[in-house]
């Protein structure tokens, strides 16, 4: 599985690909200086339960740390992950 990141002016996404097929995506919006909002996570139904969403969130957290950003998780999946894992809360807004 390969995870890629794409950005435009105010939006971005982390997405997972396998054999050239997009199997998961986590999207975000920029919310002013120093903050992004994770607004959606989706994984291909055939790929559910394989931890793809967690890998995407790891990449988002790594991106936030590297760029001194804080994350506001409006997506229910991302919010639940932040509630569960104290080790990623350093980037929580």
N, C-alpha and C. Protein backbone atom coordinates (compact mmCIF):
# COMPACT_ATOMS: atom_id res chain seq x y z
N UNK A 1 0.85 -1.18 0.00
CA UNK A 1 0.00 0.00 0.00
C UNK A 1 0.89 1.24 0.00
N UNK A 2 0.52 2.19 -0.82
CA UNK A 2 1.24 3.44 -0.95
C UNK A 2 0.33 4.57 -0.50
N UNK A 3 0.82 5.46 0.36
CA UNK A 3 0.03 6.61 0.81
C UNK A 3 0.61 7.86 0.17
N UNK A 4 -0.26 8.63 -0.46
CA UNK A 4 0.14 9.88 -1.12
C UNK A 4 -0.61 11.04 -0.50
N UNK A 5 -0.07 12.23 -0.75
CA UNK A 5 -0.67 13.46 -0.21
C UNK A 5 -0.81 14.44 -1.36
N UNK A 6 -1.98 15.06 -1.46
CA UNK A 6 -2.19 16.10 -2.45
C UNK A 6 -2.80 17.32 -1.77
N UNK A 7 -2.43 18.51 -2.25
CA UNK A 7 -2.91 19.76 -1.67
C UNK A 7 -3.30 20.73 -2.77
N UNK A 8 -4.31 21.54 -2.47
CA UNK A 8 -4.62 22.69 -3.31
C UNK A 8 -4.56 23.90 -2.39
N UNK A 9 -5.14 25.01 -2.79
CA UNK A 9 -5.07 26.22 -1.97
C UNK A 9 -5.60 26.00 -0.55
N UNK A 10 -6.82 25.52 -0.43
CA UNK A 10 -7.44 25.42 0.89
C UNK A 10 -7.82 24.01 1.31
N UNK A 11 -7.53 23.02 0.48
CA UNK A 11 -7.92 21.65 0.78
C UNK A 11 -6.76 20.71 0.53
N UNK A 12 -6.89 19.51 1.07
CA UNK A 12 -5.89 18.50 0.84
C UNK A 12 -6.45 17.12 1.14
N UNK A 13 -5.68 16.10 0.81
CA UNK A 13 -6.10 14.73 1.07
C UNK A 13 -4.89 13.82 1.19
N UNK A 14 -5.01 12.85 2.03
CA UNK A 14 -4.09 11.73 2.10
C UNK A 14 -4.86 10.55 1.53
N UNK A 15 -4.26 9.82 0.61
CA UNK A 15 -4.99 8.69 0.05
C UNK A 15 -4.08 7.49 -0.10
N UNK A 16 -4.70 6.33 0.06
CA UNK A 16 -3.99 5.06 -0.02
C UNK A 16 -4.31 4.41 -1.36
N UNK A 17 -3.25 3.91 -2.00
CA UNK A 17 -3.41 3.21 -3.27
C UNK A 17 -2.79 1.83 -3.16
N UNK A 18 -3.43 0.90 -3.84
CA UNK A 18 -2.88 -0.45 -3.93
C UNK A 18 -3.16 -0.96 -5.34
N UNK A 19 -2.15 -1.39 -6.02
CA UNK A 19 -2.27 -1.86 -7.41
C UNK A 19 -2.96 -0.82 -8.30
N UNK A 20 -2.62 0.46 -8.08
CA UNK A 20 -3.16 1.53 -8.90
C UNK A 20 -4.58 1.94 -8.58
N UNK A 21 -5.17 1.34 -7.55
CA UNK A 21 -6.56 1.64 -7.17
C UNK A 21 -6.57 2.40 -5.85
N UNK A 22 -7.36 3.47 -5.79
CA UNK A 22 -7.50 4.22 -4.56
C UNK A 22 -8.40 3.44 -3.60
N UNK A 23 -7.85 3.08 -2.45
CA UNK A 23 -8.61 2.23 -1.51
C UNK A 23 -9.00 2.97 -0.23
N UNK A 24 -8.51 4.19 -0.05
CA UNK A 24 -8.87 4.97 1.13
C UNK A 24 -8.47 6.41 0.96
N UNK A 25 -9.20 7.29 1.65
CA UNK A 25 -8.91 8.71 1.54
C UNK A 25 -9.31 9.43 2.83
N UNK A 26 -8.49 10.39 3.23
CA UNK A 26 -8.79 11.27 4.36
C UNK A 26 -8.61 12.69 3.85
N UNK A 27 -9.68 13.49 3.90
CA UNK A 27 -9.62 14.85 3.37
C UNK A 27 -9.59 15.86 4.50
N UNK A 28 -9.00 17.02 4.19
CA UNK A 28 -8.93 18.10 5.17
C UNK A 28 -9.07 19.44 4.48
N UNK A 29 -9.42 20.44 5.29
CA UNK A 29 -9.48 21.83 4.82
C UNK A 29 -8.55 22.65 5.69
N UNK A 30 -7.91 23.63 5.09
CA UNK A 30 -7.09 24.55 5.88
C UNK A 30 -8.04 25.54 6.56
N UNK A 31 -7.77 25.81 7.82
CA UNK A 31 -8.64 26.67 8.62
C UNK A 31 -7.82 27.81 9.22
N UNK A 32 -7.26 28.61 8.37
CA UNK A 32 -6.43 29.71 8.85
C UNK A 32 -5.01 29.24 9.10
N UNK A 33 -4.17 30.15 9.57
CA UNK A 33 -2.76 29.79 9.78
C UNK A 33 -2.60 28.77 10.91
N UNK A 34 -1.88 27.72 10.60
CA UNK A 34 -1.53 26.76 11.64
C UNK A 34 -2.59 25.75 12.01
N UNK A 35 -3.67 25.63 11.22
CA UNK A 35 -4.73 24.69 11.61
C UNK A 35 -5.36 24.05 10.37
N UNK A 36 -5.60 22.72 10.47
CA UNK A 36 -6.37 22.02 9.45
C UNK A 36 -7.52 21.29 10.11
N UNK A 37 -8.57 21.08 9.34
CA UNK A 37 -9.75 20.37 9.82
C UNK A 37 -9.88 19.08 9.01
N UNK A 38 -9.77 17.94 9.69
CA UNK A 38 -10.02 16.67 9.01
C UNK A 38 -11.54 16.52 8.94
N UNK A 39 -12.06 16.47 7.71
CA UNK A 39 -13.51 16.48 7.57
C UNK A 39 -14.11 15.18 7.07
N UNK A 40 -13.29 14.27 6.54
CA UNK A 40 -13.87 13.05 5.99
C UNK A 40 -12.81 11.96 5.87
N UNK A 41 -13.20 10.74 6.20
CA UNK A 41 -12.36 9.57 5.98
C UNK A 41 -13.24 8.50 5.34
N UNK A 42 -12.73 7.91 4.29
CA UNK A 42 -13.49 6.86 3.61
C UNK A 42 -12.53 5.77 3.16
N UNK A 43 -12.95 4.52 3.38
CA UNK A 43 -12.17 3.36 2.96
C UNK A 43 -13.07 2.48 2.11
N UNK A 44 -12.51 1.95 1.03
CA UNK A 44 -13.24 1.03 0.16
C UNK A 44 -13.85 -0.08 1.01
N UNK A 45 -15.14 -0.38 0.82
CA UNK A 45 -15.79 -1.42 1.65
C UNK A 45 -15.07 -2.77 1.63
N UNK A 46 -14.43 -3.10 0.52
CA UNK A 46 -13.69 -4.37 0.44
C UNK A 46 -12.41 -4.35 1.28
N UNK A 47 -11.97 -3.17 1.68
CA UNK A 47 -10.70 -3.02 2.41
C UNK A 47 -10.90 -2.70 3.89
N UNK A 48 -12.14 -2.62 4.34
CA UNK A 48 -12.42 -2.26 5.74
C UNK A 48 -11.80 -3.28 6.69
N UNK A 49 -11.39 -2.79 7.85
CA UNK A 49 -10.82 -3.66 8.87
C UNK A 49 -9.33 -3.93 8.72
N UNK A 50 -8.70 -3.30 7.73
CA UNK A 50 -7.28 -3.54 7.49
C UNK A 50 -6.39 -2.43 8.04
N UNK A 51 -6.99 -1.46 8.74
CA UNK A 51 -6.20 -0.40 9.36
C UNK A 51 -5.82 0.74 8.42
N UNK A 52 -6.47 0.82 7.28
CA UNK A 52 -6.12 1.85 6.30
C UNK A 52 -6.41 3.24 6.84
N UNK A 53 -7.55 3.41 7.50
CA UNK A 53 -7.89 4.71 8.08
C UNK A 53 -6.85 5.15 9.10
N UNK A 54 -6.37 4.22 9.90
CA UNK A 54 -5.35 4.54 10.91
C UNK A 54 -4.04 4.98 10.26
N UNK A 55 -3.67 4.31 9.16
CA UNK A 55 -2.45 4.69 8.44
C UNK A 55 -2.60 6.10 7.87
N UNK A 56 -3.77 6.40 7.32
CA UNK A 56 -4.01 7.74 6.78
C UNK A 56 -3.90 8.80 7.88
N UNK A 57 -4.46 8.49 9.05
CA UNK A 57 -4.38 9.45 10.16
C UNK A 57 -2.93 9.62 10.62
N UNK A 58 -2.16 8.54 10.65
CA UNK A 58 -0.74 8.65 11.00
C UNK A 58 -0.03 9.62 10.07
N UNK A 59 -0.32 9.53 8.78
CA UNK A 59 0.29 10.44 7.80
C UNK A 59 -0.15 11.88 8.04
N UNK A 60 -1.42 12.08 8.39
CA UNK A 60 -1.92 13.42 8.67
C UNK A 60 -1.24 14.00 9.91
N UNK A 61 -1.07 13.19 10.93
CA UNK A 61 -0.40 13.63 12.16
C UNK A 61 1.07 13.95 11.87
N UNK A 62 1.72 13.12 11.09
CA UNK A 62 3.12 13.37 10.71
C UNK A 62 3.23 14.69 9.93
N UNK A 63 2.30 14.92 9.00
CA UNK A 63 2.26 16.16 8.23
C UNK A 63 2.07 17.36 9.15
N UNK A 64 1.16 17.23 10.12
CA UNK A 64 0.91 18.33 11.07
C UNK A 64 2.16 18.62 11.89
N UNK A 65 2.81 17.59 12.37
CA UNK A 65 4.03 17.79 13.17
C UNK A 65 5.13 18.45 12.35
N UNK A 66 5.31 17.98 11.13
CA UNK A 66 6.37 18.52 10.27
C UNK A 66 6.13 19.98 9.89
N UNK A 67 4.86 20.41 9.90
CA UNK A 67 4.52 21.75 9.45
C UNK A 67 3.96 22.65 10.55
N UNK A 68 4.16 22.23 11.82
CA UNK A 68 3.68 22.99 12.98
C UNK A 68 2.21 23.37 12.85
N UNK A 69 1.39 22.35 12.55
CA UNK A 69 -0.05 22.55 12.40
C UNK A 69 -0.79 21.86 13.54
N UNK A 70 -1.97 22.34 13.82
CA UNK A 70 -2.88 21.68 14.75
C UNK A 70 -4.04 21.11 13.93
N UNK A 71 -4.61 20.02 14.43
CA UNK A 71 -5.70 19.33 13.74
C UNK A 71 -6.98 19.44 14.55
N UNK A 72 -8.05 19.83 13.87
CA UNK A 72 -9.40 19.79 14.44
C UNK A 72 -10.12 18.64 13.74
N UNK A 73 -10.37 17.53 14.45
CA UNK A 73 -10.97 16.37 13.80
C UNK A 73 -12.50 16.42 13.83
N UNK A 74 -13.12 16.89 12.76
CA UNK A 74 -14.58 16.89 12.67
C UNK A 74 -15.10 15.56 12.15
N UNK A 75 -14.27 14.83 11.45
CA UNK A 75 -14.63 13.50 10.96
C UNK A 75 -14.78 12.57 12.17
N UNK A 76 -15.90 11.83 12.26
CA UNK A 76 -16.10 10.94 13.42
C UNK A 76 -14.98 9.91 13.60
N UNK A 77 -14.45 9.36 12.51
CA UNK A 77 -13.37 8.39 12.63
C UNK A 77 -12.13 9.03 13.25
N UNK A 78 -11.72 10.18 12.70
CA UNK A 78 -10.52 10.85 13.21
C UNK A 78 -10.70 11.25 14.67
N UNK A 79 -11.87 11.76 15.01
CA UNK A 79 -12.14 12.16 16.39
C UNK A 79 -12.02 10.96 17.33
N UNK A 80 -12.59 9.84 16.94
CA UNK A 80 -12.50 8.63 17.77
C UNK A 80 -11.06 8.18 17.95
N UNK A 81 -10.24 8.30 16.90
CA UNK A 81 -8.84 7.92 17.01
C UNK A 81 -8.08 8.83 17.98
N UNK A 82 -8.36 10.13 17.91
CA UNK A 82 -7.72 11.06 18.86
C UNK A 82 -8.18 10.78 20.28
N UNK A 83 -9.44 10.41 20.46
CA UNK A 83 -9.94 10.08 21.80
C UNK A 83 -9.25 8.85 22.36
N UNK A 84 -8.90 7.90 21.49
CA UNK A 84 -8.29 6.64 21.91
C UNK A 84 -6.79 6.73 22.16
N UNK A 85 -6.09 7.53 21.36
CA UNK A 85 -4.62 7.49 21.34
C UNK A 85 -4.01 8.79 21.88
N UNK A 86 -3.52 8.74 23.11
CA UNK A 86 -2.92 9.93 23.72
C UNK A 86 -1.63 10.36 23.02
N UNK A 87 -1.00 9.45 22.28
CA UNK A 87 0.28 9.75 21.65
C UNK A 87 0.19 10.68 20.46
N UNK A 88 -1.01 10.94 19.97
CA UNK A 88 -1.14 11.84 18.82
C UNK A 88 -1.81 13.16 19.21
N UNK A 89 -2.14 13.31 20.46
CA UNK A 89 -2.87 14.51 20.88
C UNK A 89 -2.04 15.77 20.90
N UNK A 90 -0.74 15.66 20.68
CA UNK A 90 0.11 16.87 20.64
C UNK A 90 -0.27 17.77 19.47
N UNK A 91 -0.93 17.23 18.45
CA UNK A 91 -1.34 18.04 17.29
C UNK A 91 -2.81 18.41 17.34
N UNK A 92 -3.49 18.02 18.40
CA UNK A 92 -4.93 18.28 18.52
C UNK A 92 -5.18 19.74 18.83
N UNK A 93 -6.16 20.32 18.14
CA UNK A 93 -6.52 21.72 18.36
C UNK A 93 -7.57 21.79 19.43
